[in-house]
Amino acid sequence: MSAISIGQAVVLGAVEGVTEFLPVSSTGHLKIAEGLMGIPVDDTAVVGFSAVIQVGAIAAALVYFFKDIVRIVGAWFRGLRNREERYHHDYKFAWWVIYATIPIVVVGLAAKPLIEGPLASLWVVAGSLIIGSGVMWAADQMGRHKRGEDDTSLKDAMWVGCSQILALLFPGFSRSGATMSTALILDLERVAATRLSFFLGIPALTGAGIYELKDAIGSGAAVAPLAIGTVVSFAVAYASISWLLKFVAKHSFNSFVIYRILVGALLFGLLGMGILS
């Protein structure tokens, strides 16, 4: 029997959709929600479920950025056939996304026992939320916010891509938070940093969801909760993406920093009192 009911799947899908692209850690929020609902966070089926419903959020990103993705993929295919097209920024950017995804794939496969074991602890999540807040605040203060999306380079993509490993190893750090912070340190302006985070997250998270699908179903995760959680995640994530891009165009990341510290402190309190384990 699945460790997750349909009602719980709706809640977790909504949590995933809201938090996947916000720099607040979707993994951390999912683990908190699972803990509050009495779902074992280290259960194999639960870990697989969390990875699969991410595909719903990624599908929302694919739909939202469809025109950009078609433009970039089209430039990549044209560049494969025509040498002159290879000087186009979109062609180069497509390769950069591929290169920047390789490190997280290698680490994800090599460190899977740790990621699904000791590092899945809610204590790790709480600490990572707070430490990641400090990194995000420092990055927003250090960054000069002067470079746009067309100014990105292979070095930028690789640094931002590798930063995803922090969130992979330390759930609570936030993939979006790590990538956006790195992009800000590289002096990208906030909207460009956010969009780069989206584009680099699409292949990594899609691959993780597909990779976990077989294990999730085979370990007891029922198809109905998986499907419902993914659909809810898609709908909520689409709205979340639209809101985030509008927000960062006019605001700093300080609101997220404060929120993360509060959630991390609350989680430490709940763990210390034995309400969560």
Protein backbone atom coordinates (compact mmCIF):
# COMPACT_ATOMS: atom_id res chain seq x y z
CA MET A 1 0.00 0.00 0.00
CA SER A 2 1.22 3.49 -0.82
CA ALA A 3 2.58 5.54 2.06
CA ILE A 4 0.75 8.57 0.64
CA SER A 5 -3.03 8.98 0.29
CA ILE A 6 -4.77 11.01 -2.40
CA GLY A 7 -5.56 13.81 0.06
CA GLN A 8 -1.93 13.97 1.14
CA ALA A 9 -0.87 13.92 -2.51
CA VAL A 10 -2.96 17.07 -3.15
CA VAL A 11 -1.30 18.86 -0.22
CA LEU A 12 2.20 17.78 -1.23
CA GLY A 13 1.55 18.68 -4.87
CA ALA A 14 0.51 22.18 -3.82
CA VAL A 15 3.57 22.55 -1.58
CA GLU A 16 5.84 21.37 -4.39
CA GLY A 17 4.23 23.72 -6.90
CA VAL A 18 4.53 26.77 -4.66
CA THR A 19 8.10 26.16 -3.54
CA GLU A 20 9.91 24.47 -6.44
CA PHE A 21 11.05 27.68 -8.10
CA LEU A 22 10.96 30.01 -5.11
CA PRO A 23 14.34 30.15 -3.31
CA VAL A 24 12.91 28.59 -0.15
CA SER A 25 13.63 24.87 -0.73
CA SER A 26 10.88 22.68 -2.11
CA THR A 27 12.59 19.61 -0.64
CA GLY A 28 12.67 21.21 2.79
CA HIS A 29 9.01 22.21 2.67
CA LEU A 30 7.97 18.78 1.38
CA LYS A 31 9.82 17.08 4.23
CA ILE A 32 8.23 19.42 6.76
CA ALA A 33 4.77 18.78 5.29
CA GLU A 34 5.40 15.03 5.25
CA GLY A 35 6.56 15.11 8.85
CA LEU A 36 3.51 17.09 10.02
CA MET A 37 1.21 14.60 8.26
CA GLY A 38 3.01 11.64 9.81
CA ILE A 39 4.52 10.44 6.54
CA PRO A 40 7.97 8.81 6.97
CA VAL A 41 10.34 11.17 5.16
CA ASP A 42 12.98 8.50 4.58
CA ASP A 43 10.57 5.93 3.12
CA THR A 44 11.71 4.91 -0.38
CA ALA A 45 8.24 5.38 -1.84
CA VAL A 46 7.98 8.85 -0.30
CA VAL A 47 11.39 9.92 -1.64
CA GLY A 48 10.38 8.66 -5.08
CA PHE A 49 7.00 10.42 -4.87
CA SER A 50 8.69 13.74 -4.08
CA ALA A 51 10.99 13.39 -7.09
CA VAL A 52 8.17 12.44 -9.47
CA ILE A 53 5.81 15.30 -8.61
CA GLN A 54 8.66 17.67 -9.42
CA VAL A 55 7.97 16.75 -13.04
CA GLY A 56 4.64 18.58 -12.73
CA ALA A 57 6.44 21.74 -11.68
CA ILE A 58 9.00 21.31 -14.46
CA ALA A 59 6.18 20.81 -16.98
CA ALA A 60 4.80 24.17 -15.82
CA ALA A 61 8.18 25.75 -16.54
CA LEU A 62 8.25 24.11 -19.98
CA VAL A 63 4.84 25.55 -20.79
CA TYR A 64 5.62 28.98 -19.34
CA PHE A 65 8.93 29.29 -21.21
CA PHE A 66 7.76 27.39 -24.30
CA LYS A 67 8.68 30.13 -26.78
CA ASP A 68 12.14 30.58 -25.25
CA ILE A 69 12.76 26.84 -25.25
CA VAL A 70 11.65 26.46 -28.87
CA ARG A 71 13.96 29.33 -29.84
CA ILE A 72 16.96 27.86 -27.99
CA VAL A 73 16.41 24.26 -29.15
CA GLY A 74 15.79 25.46 -32.70
CA ALA A 75 19.06 27.40 -32.66
CA TRP A 76 20.85 24.31 -31.35
CA PHE A 77 19.59 22.10 -34.19
CA ARG A 78 20.37 24.77 -36.79
CA GLY A 79 23.88 25.06 -35.36
CA LEU A 80 24.42 21.32 -35.66
CA ARG A 81 23.72 21.58 -39.38
CA ASN A 82 25.14 25.01 -40.19
CA ARG A 83 28.53 26.24 -38.96
CA GLU A 84 27.53 29.91 -39.26
CA GLU A 85 24.65 29.39 -36.84
CA ARG A 86 27.06 28.27 -34.14
CA TYR A 87 28.00 31.86 -33.35
CA HIS A 88 24.44 32.57 -32.22
CA HIS A 89 24.09 33.02 -28.45
CA ASP A 90 21.10 30.65 -28.26
CA TYR A 91 23.12 27.83 -29.86
CA LYS A 92 25.92 28.31 -27.35
CA PHE A 93 23.46 28.61 -24.48
CA ALA A 94 21.89 25.24 -25.35
CA TRP A 95 25.30 23.56 -25.05
CA TRP A 96 25.99 25.42 -21.81
CA VAL A 97 22.82 24.01 -20.27
CA ILE A 98 23.91 20.50 -21.29
CA TYR A 99 27.43 20.95 -19.90
CA ALA A 100 26.17 22.55 -16.68
CA THR A 101 23.79 19.65 -16.02
CA ILE A 102 26.52 16.98 -16.10
CA PRO A 103 27.99 17.70 -12.62
CA ILE A 104 24.69 17.33 -10.77
CA VAL A 105 23.91 14.10 -12.65
CA VAL A 106 27.27 12.58 -11.70
CA VAL A 107 27.01 13.62 -8.05
CA GLY A 108 23.35 12.59 -7.85
CA LEU A 109 24.11 9.06 -9.00
CA ALA A 110 27.26 8.69 -6.93
CA ALA A 111 25.80 10.08 -3.70
CA LYS A 112 22.30 8.60 -3.95
CA PRO A 113 22.64 6.44 -0.78
CA LEU A 114 23.62 9.52 1.24
CA ILE A 115 20.96 11.74 -0.33
CA GLU A 116 18.20 9.26 0.43
CA GLY A 117 19.68 8.31 3.80
CA PRO A 118 21.48 10.46 6.39
CA LEU A 119 21.17 13.71 4.40
CA ALA A 120 17.37 13.35 4.26
CA SER A 121 17.20 14.26 7.96
CA LEU A 122 14.96 17.16 8.99
CA TRP A 123 17.85 18.43 11.13
CA VAL A 124 19.86 18.84 7.92
CA VAL A 125 16.91 20.61 6.31
CA ALA A 126 16.61 23.09 9.20
CA GLY A 127 20.31 23.90 9.22
CA SER A 128 20.46 24.23 5.44
CA LEU A 129 17.50 26.62 5.40
CA ILE A 130 19.27 29.02 7.76
CA ILE A 131 22.77 28.70 6.28
CA GLY A 132 21.36 29.11 2.76
CA SER A 133 19.62 32.29 3.91
CA GLY A 134 22.96 33.81 4.83
CA VAL A 135 24.41 32.87 1.46
CA MET A 136 21.43 34.38 -0.36
CA TRP A 137 21.56 37.63 1.62
CA ALA A 138 25.32 37.99 1.02
CA ALA A 139 24.92 37.27 -2.69
CA ASP A 140 22.19 39.88 -3.09
CA GLN A 141 24.35 42.44 -1.31
CA MET A 142 27.56 41.55 -3.20
CA GLY A 143 26.05 41.38 -6.67
CA ARG A 144 26.13 44.50 -8.83
CA HIS A 145 23.03 43.42 -10.80
CA LYS A 146 24.41 44.84 -14.04
CA ARG A 147 24.48 41.87 -16.44
CA GLY A 148 21.50 40.70 -18.46
CA GLU A 149 20.57 37.30 -19.86
CA ASP A 150 22.42 37.94 -23.14
CA ASP A 151 25.62 38.60 -21.18
CA THR A 152 25.83 35.09 -19.73
CA SER A 153 28.80 32.88 -20.59
CA LEU A 154 29.84 29.24 -20.31
CA LYS A 155 31.62 30.07 -17.05
CA ASP A 156 28.41 31.54 -15.62
CA ALA A 157 26.40 28.48 -16.63
CA MET A 158 28.94 26.06 -15.16
CA TRP A 159 29.16 27.90 -11.83
CA VAL A 160 25.40 28.14 -11.55
CA GLY A 161 24.92 24.53 -12.69
CA CYS A 162 27.44 23.21 -10.16
CA SER A 163 25.77 25.17 -7.37
CA GLN A 164 22.75 22.87 -7.73
CA ILE A 165 24.83 20.21 -6.01
CA LEU A 166 24.53 22.13 -2.73
CA ALA A 167 20.77 21.64 -2.72
CA LEU A 168 21.15 18.02 -3.79
CA LEU A 169 23.39 17.18 -0.85
CA PHE A 170 21.78 19.50 1.69
CA PRO A 171 17.98 19.51 1.32
CA GLY A 172 16.79 22.83 2.65
CA PHE A 173 19.54 24.82 0.94
CA SER A 174 17.23 25.18 -2.09
CA ARG A 175 18.21 24.54 -5.69
CA SER A 176 16.68 27.83 -6.76
CA GLY A 177 18.31 29.63 -3.85
CA ALA A 178 21.73 28.18 -4.65
CA THR A 179 21.54 28.92 -8.38
CA MET A 180 20.08 32.41 -7.98
CA SER A 181 22.65 33.29 -5.31
CA THR A 182 25.51 32.11 -7.53
CA ALA A 183 24.16 34.09 -10.48
CA LEU A 184 23.88 37.21 -8.32
CA ILE A 185 27.50 36.82 -7.17
CA LEU A 186 28.41 36.71 -10.87
CA ASP A 187 26.71 40.13 -11.18
CA LEU A 188 23.63 39.03 -13.12
CA GLU A 189 20.58 41.17 -12.45
CA ARG A 190 17.78 39.50 -10.53
CA VAL A 191 15.45 38.62 -13.42
CA ALA A 192 18.34 37.19 -15.48
CA ALA A 193 19.51 35.18 -12.45
CA THR A 194 16.00 33.82 -11.95
CA ARG A 195 15.52 32.87 -15.60
CA LEU A 196 18.93 31.17 -15.71
CA SER A 197 17.93 29.19 -12.63
CA PHE A 198 14.79 28.03 -14.44
CA PHE A 199 16.58 26.94 -17.61
CA LEU A 200 19.27 25.01 -15.74
CA GLY A 201 16.69 23.37 -13.48
CA ILE A 202 14.54 21.96 -16.27
CA PRO A 203 16.85 19.11 -17.45
CA ALA A 204 18.16 18.26 -13.97
CA LEU A 205 14.76 18.01 -12.30
CA THR A 206 13.09 16.30 -15.25
CA GLY A 207 15.83 13.68 -15.32
CA ALA A 208 15.50 13.14 -11.55
CA GLY A 209 11.75 12.62 -11.83
CA ILE A 210 12.01 10.14 -14.70
CA TYR A 211 14.86 8.28 -12.98
CA GLU A 212 12.84 7.94 -9.77
CA LEU A 213 9.55 6.94 -11.47
CA LYS A 214 10.23 3.22 -11.64
CA ASP A 215 11.55 3.07 -8.08
CA ALA A 216 8.65 5.15 -6.78
CA ILE A 217 6.01 2.85 -8.23
CA GLY A 218 7.96 -0.32 -7.51
CA SER A 219 8.47 0.61 -3.87
CA GLY A 220 4.78 1.08 -3.17
CA ALA A 221 3.83 4.53 -4.42
CA ALA A 222 0.39 4.13 -6.02
CA VAL A 223 -0.21 5.58 -9.48
CA ALA A 224 -3.28 7.66 -8.49
CA PRO A 225 -1.53 9.75 -5.78
CA LEU A 226 1.47 10.21 -8.10
CA ALA A 227 -0.74 11.44 -10.94
CA ILE A 228 -2.85 13.75 -8.77
CA GLY A 229 0.17 15.19 -6.97
CA THR A 230 1.87 15.88 -10.30
CA VAL A 231 -1.19 17.64 -11.78
CA VAL A 232 -1.63 19.84 -8.70
CA SER A 233 2.08 20.61 -8.74
CA PHE A 234 1.83 21.71 -12.38
CA ALA A 235 -1.09 24.11 -11.83
CA VAL A 236 0.33 25.72 -8.71
CA ALA A 237 3.88 25.96 -10.11
CA TYR A 238 2.70 27.81 -13.22
CA ALA A 239 1.14 30.53 -11.06
CA SER A 240 4.24 30.58 -8.83
CA ILE A 241 6.60 31.14 -11.78
CA SER A 242 4.53 34.05 -13.08
CA TRP A 243 4.45 35.67 -9.65
CA LEU A 244 8.19 35.19 -8.98
CA LEU A 245 9.37 36.85 -12.20
CA LYS A 246 7.20 39.88 -11.47
CA PHE A 247 8.36 40.01 -7.86
CA VAL A 248 12.13 39.88 -8.50
CA ALA A 249 11.84 42.60 -11.15
CA LYS A 250 11.02 45.10 -8.38
CA HIS A 251 12.19 43.58 -5.10
CA SER A 252 15.32 42.15 -3.47
CA PHE A 253 15.53 38.62 -2.07
CA ASN A 254 15.36 39.84 1.54
CA SER A 255 11.77 38.62 2.00
CA PHE A 256 12.85 35.09 1.13
CA VAL A 257 15.87 35.35 3.45
CA ILE A 258 13.69 36.32 6.41
CA TYR A 259 11.11 33.64 5.59
CA ARG A 260 13.75 30.91 5.36
CA ILE A 261 15.26 31.88 8.73
CA LEU A 262 11.83 31.78 10.37
CA VAL A 263 11.00 28.38 8.85
CA GLY A 264 14.40 26.98 9.80
CA ALA A 265 14.06 28.21 13.37
CA LEU A 266 10.52 26.83 13.59
CA LEU A 267 11.70 23.47 12.31
CA PHE A 268 14.51 23.35 14.87
CA GLY A 269 11.91 24.09 17.54
CA LEU A 270 9.54 21.37 16.37
CA LEU A 271 12.38 18.85 16.24
CA GLY A 272 13.67 19.90 19.66
CA MET A 273 10.23 19.50 21.24
CA GLY A 274 9.76 16.11 19.60
CA ILE A 275 6.75 17.23 17.56
CA LEU A 276 8.68 16.20 14.44
CA SER A 277 11.36 13.52 14.30
